[in-house]
Amino acid sequence: MTTAVKETVNTILDKLHLSSGEGRAAPPEPTAEQLQELRDIYSKAHQDHVFTFWDSLSSAEKGTLYESLSGFDPGYVNDIVKKALNAPPASKDVTLEPLPDTVTASIMDSPADKLQEWQASGLHLIAQNQVAVILMAGGQGTRLGSSAPKGCFNIDLPSQKSLFQIQAERIFRLQEMAKKQHGVESAVVPWYVMTSGPTRAPTEKFFEEHHYFKLKKENIIIFEQGVLPCVSNDGKILLESKSKIAVAPDGNGGIYRALIASAVMEDMRRRGIQHIHAYCVDNCLVRVADPVFIGFAAAKDVDVATKVVRKRNARESVGLVVLKNGKPDVVEYSEIDQATAEAQDAGQPDLLKFRAANIVNHYYSYRFLDSIPEWAHLLPHHVARKKIPYVDLSSGATVKPEKPNGIKLEQFVFDVFPRIPLEKFACMEVRREDEFSPLKNAKGTGEDDPDTSRAHVLQQGRRFVEAAGAVVESETMESAGVEVSPLISYAGEELEYLQGRTIKAPAVIERVED
């Protein structure tokens, strides 16, 4: 990174109360002057208890604690804790309406020529190297029985591909489609993979071991989401050990600060990126950098767009994308009453009035993300009361509480929605069976688990090949699926060569010869 760029990034980080942490070696013990300066900052914020055990630490431990504490502004931490704990109660005078037709479109009822127009536009933007992808991949597979990053998880497809590989191959396929359709030598969709602290190193290793899944290493940028100190119920920063403060990821809404802190935005600027797709790693059906979605958002010239699926029924516990008091927003299932949940659409009585289920699948314009320093500090923090192990300041012993003793602060990626003027916001409804199958639960749960993810990929593949004119035969319903490699078809296209063929399921269509 050039000196000029570093100065620009560090100026932005100062506005966001962050430090970059880039390029640090093993932290040395601070000088007496450095230590006193940091002590004064924490003392002014009434958080100087974090130095309680300083004199008993080794030189390496002092360096580590000093570096960790230098990464936070305790005054800012105090401010966001105070705001979060004293947030005004939710107003009872809330008006909810579905988003107006002027900002929405549905894959189900849009004319075929309009869908083709959006797709052509999206592929053209990809061919011009103007499209990038941000993957939110900070989670571990803990609930799946794995400590590895969730993207490494194998849902037991016939090919044994991981979630990372499936998504990488969709990017590769799009690049090839754009090159072919527009006659360009190179089409690049850079992939920015946001990890957490615990998942960064194993994610980097997994990509390296798998040779970046046919993508070029320089076009996969792995960066880390931020963390915030955990605090006690009375607002004091907790120590995890004598030489380490307790921290927690700042939620998927931390993506905005992380894009600046990691210099991702600077990399996008250098590449000439104008359109960005962001999504979560656990969706095995996600259409990464979907050209239809990109073309739709670009045609409307919006700053933020979101994909939704139809809510299954009034009782499904999902967040809904709505117009709340005249502004785009997401309301959680727990925030609406039964009558609202069950209300029918006046124009289509067989559909729910509020049915736009949030699937954390978003479009951003570069110009909007480039303005992050102007508004990121204004987004709210949400309080999660947790049982947080800590060091007792009197005895130095580690305490594992039996009930919530502290607070973790997080932000949600959709917290930015109400800040978007309605004319700069758009929403696209897509088919759940084609684009949304999240992996949340352990095998055998029966919902959003590895079995349902596998089934949904194979069912989609079967629909693809049958639409192309193939006949699928299987001995049992469980084996009735077909896996179509993203390397040969992104969304069912170019499978005409299968017409008239009989495919014995389960099967993998990996090459045109298969």
Protein backbone atom coordinates (compact mmCIF):
# COMPACT_ATOMS: atom_id res chain seq x y z
CA MET A 1 0.00 0.00 0.00
CA THR A 2 1.45 3.39 -0.98
CA THR A 3 2.15 6.04 1.65
CA ALA A 4 -0.57 8.29 0.21
CA VAL A 5 -3.15 5.51 0.33
CA LYS A 6 -2.14 4.58 3.89
CA GLU A 7 -2.62 8.19 4.99
CA THR A 8 -6.06 8.31 3.34
CA VAL A 9 -7.15 5.03 4.96
CA ASN A 10 -5.86 6.06 8.39
CA THR A 11 -7.71 9.39 8.15
CA ILE A 12 -10.95 7.52 7.45
CA LEU A 13 -10.26 5.08 10.30
CA ASP A 14 -9.87 7.99 12.70
CA LYS A 15 -13.37 9.16 11.74
CA LEU A 16 -14.69 5.68 12.51
CA HIS A 17 -12.80 5.36 15.82
CA LEU A 18 -10.77 2.46 14.41
CA SER A 19 -7.12 1.58 13.87
CA SER A 20 -5.98 -0.51 10.92
CA GLY A 21 -3.69 -3.03 12.60
CA GLU A 22 -2.15 -3.64 9.18
CA GLY A 23 1.30 -5.17 8.91
CA ARG A 24 2.06 -5.49 12.62
CA ALA A 25 4.79 -7.86 13.80
CA ALA A 26 4.84 -9.39 17.29
CA PRO A 27 3.96 -6.43 19.53
CA PRO A 28 6.84 -5.02 21.59
CA GLU A 29 6.43 -3.81 25.14
CA PRO A 30 5.51 -0.11 25.06
CA THR A 31 7.80 2.58 26.38
CA ALA A 32 6.93 4.27 29.66
CA GLU A 33 5.72 7.33 27.75
CA GLN A 34 3.50 5.25 25.43
CA LEU A 35 2.03 3.37 28.36
CA GLN A 36 1.26 6.53 30.31
CA GLU A 37 -0.42 8.11 27.29
CA LEU A 38 -2.70 5.08 26.87
CA ARG A 39 -3.39 4.89 30.61
CA ASP A 40 -4.49 8.52 30.54
CA ILE A 41 -6.93 7.82 27.70
CA TYR A 42 -8.51 4.90 29.55
CA SER A 43 -8.46 6.78 32.86
CA LYS A 44 -10.33 9.69 31.30
CA ALA A 45 -12.98 7.18 30.15
CA HIS A 46 -13.07 5.55 33.63
CA GLN A 47 -11.89 2.26 32.11
CA ASP A 48 -8.34 2.18 33.54
CA HIS A 49 -9.10 -1.02 35.49
CA VAL A 50 -7.93 -2.86 32.36
CA PHE A 51 -4.36 -2.18 33.61
CA THR A 52 -5.01 -3.88 36.97
CA PHE A 53 -2.54 -6.73 36.36
CA TRP A 54 0.00 -4.83 34.26
CA ASP A 55 2.90 -5.11 36.67
CA SER A 56 2.55 -8.92 36.87
CA LEU A 57 2.64 -9.46 33.10
CA SER A 58 5.56 -10.64 31.03
CA SER A 59 7.05 -8.34 28.39
CA ALA A 60 5.22 -10.23 25.61
CA GLU A 61 1.91 -10.06 27.49
CA LYS A 62 2.36 -6.34 28.04
CA GLY A 63 2.94 -5.87 24.32
CA THR A 64 -0.16 -7.88 23.47
CA LEU A 65 -2.41 -6.04 25.92
CA TYR A 66 -1.07 -2.65 24.86
CA GLU A 67 -1.70 -3.45 21.21
CA SER A 68 -5.23 -4.68 21.93
CA LEU A 69 -6.14 -1.63 24.01
CA SER A 70 -4.64 0.71 21.41
CA GLY A 71 -7.14 -0.62 18.88
CA PHE A 72 -10.11 0.88 20.72
CA ASP A 73 -11.27 4.32 21.73
CA PRO A 74 -12.71 3.75 25.24
CA GLY A 75 -14.62 7.02 25.08
CA TYR A 76 -16.36 5.81 21.93
CA VAL A 77 -17.06 2.44 23.59
CA ASN A 78 -18.66 4.29 26.51
CA ASP A 79 -20.78 6.34 24.12
CA ILE A 80 -22.16 3.39 22.14
CA VAL A 81 -22.83 1.39 25.31
CA LYS A 82 -24.72 4.32 26.80
CA LYS A 83 -26.75 4.81 23.63
CA ALA A 84 -27.53 1.11 23.32
CA LEU A 85 -28.58 0.74 26.96
CA ASN A 86 -30.62 3.93 26.91
CA ALA A 87 -32.20 3.60 23.50
CA PRO A 88 -35.67 5.15 23.46
CA PRO A 89 -38.45 2.57 23.73
CA ALA A 90 -39.92 1.48 20.44
CA SER A 91 -42.74 3.76 19.45
CA LYS A 92 -46.19 2.20 19.57
CA ASP A 93 -47.23 4.52 16.76
CA VAL A 94 -45.67 2.52 13.93
CA THR A 95 -47.01 2.36 10.41
CA LEU A 96 -46.09 -0.71 8.38
CA GLU A 97 -46.79 -1.08 4.69
CA PRO A 98 -45.40 -3.33 1.97
CA LEU A 99 -42.83 -1.64 -0.25
CA PRO A 100 -44.56 0.20 -3.12
CA ASP A 101 -44.61 -1.30 -6.59
CA THR A 102 -42.35 1.48 -7.84
CA VAL A 103 -39.33 -0.02 -6.03
CA THR A 104 -40.10 -3.73 -6.36
CA ALA A 105 -39.99 -6.47 -8.96
CA SER A 106 -40.69 -10.19 -8.85
CA ILE A 107 -39.00 -12.93 -10.82
CA MET A 108 -42.35 -14.72 -10.77
CA ASP A 109 -44.31 -12.13 -12.71
CA SER A 110 -41.75 -10.02 -14.58
CA PRO A 111 -41.93 -10.41 -18.37
CA ALA A 112 -39.33 -12.73 -19.87
CA ASP A 113 -37.91 -9.96 -22.04
CA LYS A 114 -37.39 -7.76 -18.97
CA LEU A 115 -35.50 -10.56 -17.17
CA GLN A 116 -33.37 -11.07 -20.27
CA GLU A 117 -32.69 -7.34 -20.44
CA TRP A 118 -31.52 -7.25 -16.82
CA GLN A 119 -29.35 -10.33 -17.31
CA ALA A 120 -27.74 -8.92 -20.43
CA SER A 121 -27.03 -5.67 -18.60
CA GLY A 122 -25.54 -7.50 -15.62
CA LEU A 123 -23.26 -9.63 -17.82
CA HIS A 124 -22.15 -6.52 -19.69
CA LEU A 125 -21.17 -4.87 -16.38
CA ILE A 126 -19.27 -8.03 -15.41
CA ALA A 127 -17.48 -7.97 -18.78
CA GLN A 128 -16.49 -4.37 -18.01
CA ASN A 129 -14.98 -5.49 -14.66
CA GLN A 130 -17.40 -3.29 -12.72
CA VAL A 131 -18.94 -5.97 -10.46
CA ALA A 132 -17.56 -7.30 -7.16
CA VAL A 133 -18.79 -9.71 -4.52
CA ILE A 134 -18.60 -9.49 -0.73
CA LEU A 135 -19.04 -12.75 1.15
CA MET A 136 -19.92 -12.63 4.84
CA ALA A 137 -18.15 -15.77 6.07
CA GLY A 138 -17.27 -15.12 9.68
CA GLY A 139 -19.24 -17.97 11.23
CA GLN A 140 -17.92 -21.32 12.39
CA GLY A 141 -19.82 -24.55 11.89
CA THR A 142 -20.30 -25.03 15.63
CA ARG A 143 -23.97 -26.00 15.38
CA LEU A 144 -23.03 -28.34 12.53
CA GLY A 145 -20.55 -30.19 14.72
CA SER A 146 -17.50 -28.52 13.19
CA SER A 147 -15.07 -25.88 14.40
CA ALA A 148 -14.02 -25.07 10.83
CA PRO A 149 -15.34 -22.00 8.98
CA LYS A 150 -18.85 -22.69 7.77
CA GLY A 151 -17.80 -22.18 4.16
CA CYS A 152 -15.56 -25.27 4.43
CA PHE A 153 -18.58 -27.43 5.21
CA ASN A 154 -19.41 -30.33 2.91
CA ILE A 155 -23.19 -30.87 2.60
CA ASP A 156 -22.53 -34.36 1.20
CA LEU A 157 -23.25 -33.65 -2.44
CA PRO A 158 -22.20 -36.43 -4.85
CA SER A 159 -19.23 -34.22 -5.83
CA GLN A 160 -18.31 -33.60 -2.16
CA LYS A 161 -17.89 -29.88 -2.87
CA SER A 162 -17.79 -27.41 0.00
CA LEU A 163 -19.93 -24.27 0.17
CA PHE A 164 -16.85 -22.20 -0.71
CA GLN A 165 -16.22 -24.30 -3.81
CA ILE A 166 -19.83 -24.13 -5.04
CA GLN A 167 -19.80 -20.34 -4.76
CA ALA A 168 -16.33 -19.95 -6.30
CA GLU A 169 -17.41 -22.02 -9.30
CA ARG A 170 -20.45 -19.81 -9.82
CA ILE A 171 -18.14 -16.80 -10.00
CA PHE A 172 -15.86 -18.64 -12.45
CA ARG A 173 -18.82 -19.55 -14.64
CA LEU A 174 -20.10 -15.96 -14.72
CA GLN A 175 -16.69 -14.70 -15.75
CA GLU A 176 -16.61 -17.20 -18.61
CA MET A 177 -20.15 -16.29 -19.69
CA ALA A 178 -19.30 -12.58 -19.73
CA LYS A 179 -16.11 -13.19 -21.74
CA LYS A 180 -17.95 -15.33 -24.28
CA GLN A 181 -20.97 -13.07 -24.73
CA HIS A 182 -19.02 -9.83 -24.98
CA GLY A 183 -15.85 -11.02 -26.67
CA VAL A 184 -13.49 -9.72 -24.01
CA GLU A 185 -10.20 -11.33 -23.11
CA SER A 186 -10.71 -11.06 -19.37
CA ALA A 187 -13.69 -10.58 -17.07
CA VAL A 188 -12.94 -10.43 -13.36
CA VAL A 189 -15.37 -10.49 -10.43
CA PRO A 190 -13.19 -9.90 -7.35
CA TRP A 191 -14.32 -11.85 -4.29
CA TYR A 192 -13.95 -10.11 -0.93
CA VAL A 193 -14.31 -12.72 1.81
CA MET A 194 -15.04 -11.31 5.27
CA THR A 195 -13.99 -13.65 8.07
CA SER A 196 -13.87 -13.37 11.84
CA GLY A 197 -10.71 -13.57 13.93
CA PRO A 198 -11.03 -17.34 14.58
CA THR A 199 -11.92 -18.18 10.96
CA ARG A 200 -9.43 -16.04 9.02
CA ALA A 201 -6.39 -18.33 9.14
CA PRO A 202 -8.32 -21.56 8.42
CA THR A 203 -10.18 -19.84 5.59
CA GLU A 204 -6.92 -18.68 4.03
CA LYS A 205 -5.47 -22.18 4.40
CA PHE A 206 -8.57 -23.81 2.87
CA PHE A 207 -8.45 -21.57 -0.19
CA GLU A 208 -4.72 -22.18 -0.61
CA GLU A 209 -5.07 -25.96 -0.27
CA HIS A 210 -7.79 -25.96 -2.96
CA HIS A 211 -5.83 -23.71 -5.32
CA TYR A 212 -8.47 -20.99 -5.03
CA PHE A 213 -11.04 -23.12 -6.88
CA LYS A 214 -9.86 -22.11 -10.37
CA LEU A 215 -10.00 -18.41 -9.52
CA LYS A 216 -6.90 -16.23 -9.45
CA LYS A 217 -5.41 -15.69 -6.02
CA GLU A 218 -5.05 -11.94 -6.55
CA ASN A 219 -8.81 -11.64 -7.07
CA ILE A 220 -9.72 -13.23 -3.73
CA ILE A 221 -9.23 -10.76 -0.90
CA ILE A 222 -9.73 -12.19 2.58
CA PHE A 223 -10.30 -9.64 5.33
CA GLU A 224 -11.54 -9.61 8.90
CA GLN A 225 -14.63 -8.14 10.49
CA GLY A 226 -14.18 -5.97 13.53
CA VAL A 227 -14.68 -6.70 17.20
CA LEU A 228 -15.90 -4.64 20.12
CA PRO A 229 -15.05 -5.02 23.81
CA CYS A 230 -17.51 -6.95 25.95
CA VAL A 231 -18.68 -4.91 28.91
CA SER A 232 -20.24 -5.67 32.26
CA ASN A 233 -23.83 -4.78 33.01
CA ASP A 234 -22.59 -1.49 34.49
CA GLY A 235 -20.54 -0.66 31.38
CA LYS A 236 -17.04 -1.69 32.43
CA ILE A 237 -14.79 -3.39 29.85
CA LEU A 238 -14.27 -7.03 30.85
CA LEU A 239 -10.92 -8.79 30.95
CA GLU A 240 -10.88 -12.28 29.45
CA SER A 241 -7.48 -12.88 31.04
CA LYS A 242 -4.98 -10.71 32.87
CA SER A 243 -3.44 -9.72 29.55
CA LYS A 244 -6.44 -9.75 27.24
CA ILE A 245 -9.74 -7.90 27.10
CA ALA A 246 -12.90 -9.82 26.24
CA VAL A 247 -14.09 -9.03 22.72
CA ALA A 248 -16.85 -10.22 20.39
CA PRO A 249 -17.55 -9.75 16.66
CA ASP A 250 -19.50 -6.60 15.95
CA GLY A 251 -22.28 -8.37 13.98
CA ASN A 252 -22.85 -8.58 10.24
CA GLY A 253 -23.49 -4.84 10.30
CA GLY A 254 -19.80 -4.49 11.11
CA ILE A 255 -19.21 -5.11 7.42
CA TYR A 256 -19.31 -1.39 6.75
CA ARG A 257 -16.49 -0.47 9.11
CA ALA A 258 -14.52 -3.55 8.05
CA LEU A 259 -14.61 -2.48 4.39
CA ILE A 260 -12.77 0.68 5.39
CA ALA A 261 -10.46 -0.79 8.04
CA SER A 262 -9.26 -3.49 5.63
CA ALA A 263 -8.81 -1.07 2.70
CA VAL A 264 -11.26 -3.12 0.61
CA MET A 265 -12.91 0.08 -0.57
CA GLU A 266 -9.55 1.36 -1.76
CA ASP A 267 -9.03 -1.88 -3.69
CA MET A 268 -12.47 -1.53 -5.28
CA ARG A 269 -11.68 2.05 -6.25
CA ARG A 270 -8.45 0.97 -7.88
CA ARG A 271 -10.24 -1.74 -9.87
CA GLY A 272 -13.05 0.56 -11.03
CA ILE A 273 -15.83 -1.39 -9.26
CA GLN A 274 -19.28 0.22 -9.41
CA HIS A 275 -21.69 -2.58 -8.38
CA ILE A 276 -21.36 -4.89 -5.37
CA HIS A 277 -23.26 -8.02 -4.37
CA ALA A 278 -23.13 -9.08 -0.69
CA TYR A 279 -24.45 -12.32 0.79
CA CYS A 280 -23.97 -14.92 3.56
CA VAL A 281 -21.88 -18.07 3.14
CA ASP A 282 -24.47 -20.52 4.47
CA ASN A 283 -26.83 -20.30 1.46
CA CYS A 284 -25.98 -23.18 -0.89
CA LEU A 285 -28.33 -21.87 -3.61
CA VAL A 286 -27.07 -18.27 -3.67
CA ARG A 287 -26.66 -16.84 -7.15
CA VAL A 288 -23.36 -15.09 -6.59
CA ALA A 289 -23.10 -11.79 -8.50
CA ASP A 290 -26.46 -12.63 -10.08
CA PRO A 291 -26.47 -10.69 -13.38
CA VAL A 292 -30.27 -10.38 -13.30
CA PHE A 293 -30.12 -8.74 -9.85
CA ILE A 294 -27.15 -6.56 -10.78
CA GLY A 295 -28.85 -5.46 -14.00
CA PHE A 296 -32.11 -4.73 -12.17
CA ALA A 297 -30.41 -2.55 -9.54
CA ALA A 298 -28.23 -0.79 -12.10
CA ALA A 299 -31.23 -0.03 -14.32
CA LYS A 300 -33.02 1.61 -11.39
CA ASP A 301 -29.82 3.47 -10.42
CA VAL A 302 -30.30 2.64 -6.73
CA ASP A 303 -27.77 2.67 -3.91
CA VAL A 304 -29.13 -0.37 -2.08
CA ALA A 305 -31.26 -3.28 -3.28
CA THR A 306 -32.25 -6.49 -1.56
CA LYS A 307 -33.51 -9.90 -2.56
CA VAL A 308 -36.43 -11.47 -0.72
CA VAL A 309 -38.39 -14.72 -0.90
CA ARG A 310 -42.05 -15.25 -0.12
CA LYS A 311 -42.76 -15.99 3.49
CA ARG A 312 -43.96 -19.62 3.73
CA ASN A 313 -46.85 -18.83 6.05
CA ALA A 314 -47.93 -16.33 8.67
CA ARG A 315 -46.10 -18.23 11.43
CA GLU A 316 -42.66 -18.45 9.80
CA SER A 317 -40.21 -16.60 12.07
CA VAL A 318 -38.35 -14.48 9.53
CA GLY A 319 -37.57 -10.80 9.26
CA LEU A 320 -39.62 -8.89 6.71
CA VAL A 321 -38.56 -6.10 4.37
CA VAL A 322 -41.19 -3.40 4.69
CA LEU A 323 -41.89 0.30 4.61
CA LYS A 324 -41.77 1.36 8.26
CA ASN A 325 -42.98 4.88 8.94
CA GLY A 326 -42.33 5.64 5.29
CA LYS A 327 -38.76 4.28 5.21
CA PRO A 328 -37.30 0.96 3.99
CA ASP A 329 -36.61 -1.30 6.95
CA VAL A 330 -36.57 -4.85 8.28
CA VAL A 331 -38.94 -5.83 11.07
CA GLU A 332 -38.42 -9.03 12.99
CA TYR A 333 -41.16 -11.61 13.42
CA SER A 334 -41.39 -10.76 17.11
CA GLU A 335 -42.15 -7.12 16.30
CA ILE A 336 -45.46 -7.72 14.52
CA ASP A 337 -48.77 -8.89 15.95
CA GLN A 338 -50.78 -11.85 14.75
CA ALA A 339 -53.24 -9.74 12.78
CA THR A 340 -50.42 -8.08 10.84
CA ALA A 341 -48.69 -11.41 10.23
CA GLU A 342 -51.91 -12.96 8.89
CA ALA A 343 -53.11 -9.96 6.85
CA GLN A 344 -53.89 -10.80 3.22
CA ASP A 345 -52.85 -8.88 0.14
CA ALA A 346 -55.89 -6.92 -1.06
CA GLY A 347 -54.98 -7.45 -4.69
CA GLN A 348 -53.96 -11.10 -4.32
CA PRO A 349 -55.98 -12.60 -1.43
CA ASP A 350 -54.14 -15.92 -1.65
CA LEU A 351 -50.92 -14.15 -0.65
CA LEU A 352 -49.86 -12.53 2.62
CA LYS A 353 -49.77 -8.74 2.64
CA PHE A 354 -46.39 -8.83 4.39
CA ARG A 355 -44.49 -11.64 2.69
CA ALA A 356 -41.07 -10.22 1.70
CA ALA A 357 -38.77 -12.41 3.81
CA ASN A 358 -35.28 -11.04 4.33
CA ILE A 359 -32.51 -13.44 3.17
CA VAL A 360 -29.47 -11.15 3.72
CA ASN A 361 -28.74 -10.85 0.01
CA HIS A 362 -27.98 -7.28 -1.00
CA TYR A 363 -26.74 -4.98 -3.76
CA TYR A 364 -24.76 -1.80 -3.11
CA SER A 365 -23.55 0.91 -5.43
CA TYR A 366 -19.90 1.78 -4.99
CA ARG A 367 -20.79 5.44 -4.54
CA PHE A 368 -22.89 4.51 -1.50
CA LEU A 369 -20.28 2.32 0.17
CA ASP A 370 -17.67 4.98 -0.53
CA SER A 371 -19.64 7.25 1.80
CA ILE A 372 -19.35 4.86 4.78
CA PRO A 373 -17.26 7.27 6.90
CA GLU A 374 -20.10 9.79 6.72
CA TRP A 375 -22.72 7.55 8.33
CA ALA A 376 -21.30 4.36 9.84
CA HIS A 377 -20.93 5.97 13.26
CA LEU A 378 -24.63 6.84 13.22
CA LEU A 379 -25.87 3.26 12.91
CA PRO A 380 -27.35 1.82 16.13
CA HIS A 381 -25.76 -0.89 18.25
CA HIS A 382 -27.95 -3.65 19.63
CA VAL A 383 -27.53 -5.19 23.07
CA ALA A 384 -27.13 -8.93 23.53
CA ARG A 385 -26.93 -9.96 27.18
CA LYS A 386 -24.63 -12.96 27.51
CA LYS A 387 -22.73 -15.13 29.97
CA ILE A 388 -19.19 -13.82 29.46
CA PRO A 389 -16.21 -15.42 31.28
CA TYR A 390 -14.06 -12.77 32.94
CA VAL A 391 -11.18 -12.21 35.34
CA ASP A 392 -12.07 -11.09 38.85
CA LEU A 393 -10.11 -7.88 39.47
CA SER A 394 -9.62 -8.66 43.15
CA SER A 395 -8.40 -12.24 42.99
CA GLY A 396 -7.21 -12.60 39.40
CA ALA A 397 -9.27 -15.78 39.08
CA THR A 398 -11.29 -16.58 35.98
CA VAL A 399 -15.04 -16.59 36.60
CA LYS A 400 -17.50 -18.50 34.44
CA PRO A 401 -20.90 -16.98 35.23
CA GLU A 402 -24.06 -19.07 35.41
CA LYS A 403 -26.31 -16.23 34.26
CA PRO A 404 -25.83 -13.26 31.91
CA ASN A 405 -23.31 -10.89 33.43
CA GLY A 406 -22.39 -8.71 30.51
CA ILE A 407 -23.18 -7.19 27.17
CA LYS A 408 -22.04 -7.84 23.64
CA LEU A 409 -22.77 -5.09 21.14
CA GLU A 410 -23.60 -5.81 17.52
CA GLN A 411 -24.94 -4.14 14.42
CA PHE A 412 -27.12 -5.57 11.68
CA VAL A 413 -26.34 -5.18 8.02
CA PHE A 414 -29.87 -3.87 7.37
CA ASP A 415 -29.54 -1.10 9.98
CA VAL A 416 -28.58 1.11 7.05
CA PHE A 417 -31.89 0.62 5.19
CA PRO A 418 -33.84 3.48 6.86
CA ARG A 419 -31.09 5.89 5.82
CA ILE A 420 -31.75 5.19 2.14
CA PRO A 421 -34.20 7.49 0.31
CA LEU A 422 -36.99 5.35 -1.09
CA GLU A 423 -36.12 6.32 -4.66
CA LYS A 424 -32.62 4.89 -4.10
CA PHE A 425 -33.84 1.56 -2.70
CA ALA A 426 -35.16 -1.48 -4.56
CA CYS A 427 -36.34 -5.00 -3.79
CA MET A 428 -36.45 -8.12 -5.96
CA GLU A 429 -38.58 -11.13 -5.06
CA VAL A 430 -37.02 -14.45 -6.12
CA ARG A 431 -38.07 -18.09 -5.91
CA ARG A 432 -37.07 -19.69 -2.63
CA GLU A 433 -36.52 -23.09 -4.29
CA ASP A 434 -34.06 -21.52 -6.71
CA GLU A 435 -32.12 -19.14 -4.49
CA PHE A 436 -32.45 -19.71 -0.76
CA SER A 437 -31.56 -22.70 1.37
CA PRO A 438 -29.65 -21.63 4.50
CA LEU A 439 -27.50 -24.03 6.51
CA LYS A 440 -28.19 -23.28 10.18
CA ASN A 441 -28.79 -26.52 12.08
CA ALA A 442 -27.19 -29.86 12.81
CA LYS A 443 -27.81 -32.88 10.59
CA GLY A 444 -31.10 -34.59 11.33
CA THR A 445 -32.91 -31.44 12.43
CA GLY A 446 -35.11 -31.56 9.34
CA GLU A 447 -35.01 -27.85 8.64
CA ASP A 448 -32.13 -25.70 7.35
CA ASP A 449 -29.68 -28.54 7.93
CA PRO A 450 -27.14 -30.39 5.72
CA ASP A 451 -29.81 -32.81 4.52
CA THR A 452 -32.16 -30.05 3.33
CA SER A 453 -29.27 -28.13 1.73
CA ARG A 454 -28.18 -31.23 -0.18
CA ALA A 455 -31.73 -32.04 -1.24
CA HIS A 456 -32.38 -28.52 -2.48
CA VAL A 457 -29.22 -28.47 -4.64
CA LEU A 458 -30.10 -31.87 -6.15
CA GLN A 459 -33.74 -30.93 -6.71
CA GLN A 460 -32.69 -27.76 -8.48
CA GLY A 461 -30.28 -29.73 -10.67
CA ARG A 462 -33.06 -32.11 -11.61
CA ARG A 463 -35.26 -29.17 -12.63
CA PHE A 464 -32.42 -27.81 -14.75
CA VAL A 465 -31.83 -31.01 -16.72
CA GLU A 466 -35.53 -31.81 -17.13
CA ALA A 467 -36.13 -28.29 -18.47
CA ALA A 468 -33.37 -29.02 -20.99
CA GLY A 469 -35.24 -32.13 -22.17
CA ALA A 470 -33.50 -34.89 -20.20
CA VAL A 471 -35.33 -37.72 -18.42
CA VAL A 472 -34.28 -38.51 -14.85
CA GLU A 473 -34.72 -42.02 -13.49
CA SER A 474 -34.14 -43.08 -9.88
CA GLU A 475 -34.90 -46.07 -7.68
CA THR A 476 -35.99 -44.03 -4.66
CA MET A 477 -37.19 -40.50 -3.94
CA GLU A 478 -34.10 -39.96 -1.77
CA SER A 479 -31.81 -40.57 -4.75
CA ALA A 480 -33.89 -38.68 -7.29
CA GLY A 481 -31.65 -35.62 -7.59
CA VAL A 482 -29.02 -34.43 -10.03
CA GLU A 483 -26.05 -32.23 -9.22
CA VAL A 484 -25.23 -29.83 -12.03
CA SER A 485 -21.78 -28.30 -11.65
CA PRO A 486 -21.76 -24.49 -11.65
CA LEU A 487 -18.79 -24.76 -13.98
CA ILE A 488 -21.07 -25.77 -16.85
CA SER A 489 -24.31 -23.99 -15.91
CA TYR A 490 -24.91 -21.03 -13.62
CA ALA A 491 -28.72 -21.14 -13.61
CA GLY A 492 -29.78 -23.91 -15.97
CA GLU A 493 -28.44 -22.37 -19.20
CA GLU A 494 -26.56 -24.24 -21.95
CA LEU A 495 -27.78 -27.72 -21.03
CA GLU A 496 -29.55 -28.34 -24.34
CA TYR A 497 -27.07 -31.08 -25.20
CA LEU A 498 -28.86 -33.22 -22.60
CA GLN A 499 -32.10 -33.23 -24.57
CA GLY A 500 -33.44 -36.76 -25.01
CA ARG A 501 -30.88 -38.29 -22.68
CA THR A 502 -31.78 -40.50 -19.72
CA ILE A 503 -29.95 -39.70 -16.50
CA LYS A 504 -29.87 -42.24 -13.69
CA ALA A 505 -29.97 -40.41 -10.38
CA PRO A 506 -28.22 -39.62 -8.19
CA ALA A 507 -25.87 -38.15 -10.75
CA VAL A 508 -23.28 -35.42 -11.19
CA ILE A 509 -23.13 -33.41 -14.41
CA GLU A 510 -19.60 -32.03 -14.15
CA ARG A 511 -18.55 -31.76 -17.80
CA VAL A 512 -20.36 -31.34 -21.10
CA GLU A 513 -19.47 -34.95 -21.91
CA ASP A 514 -21.27 -36.31 -18.81
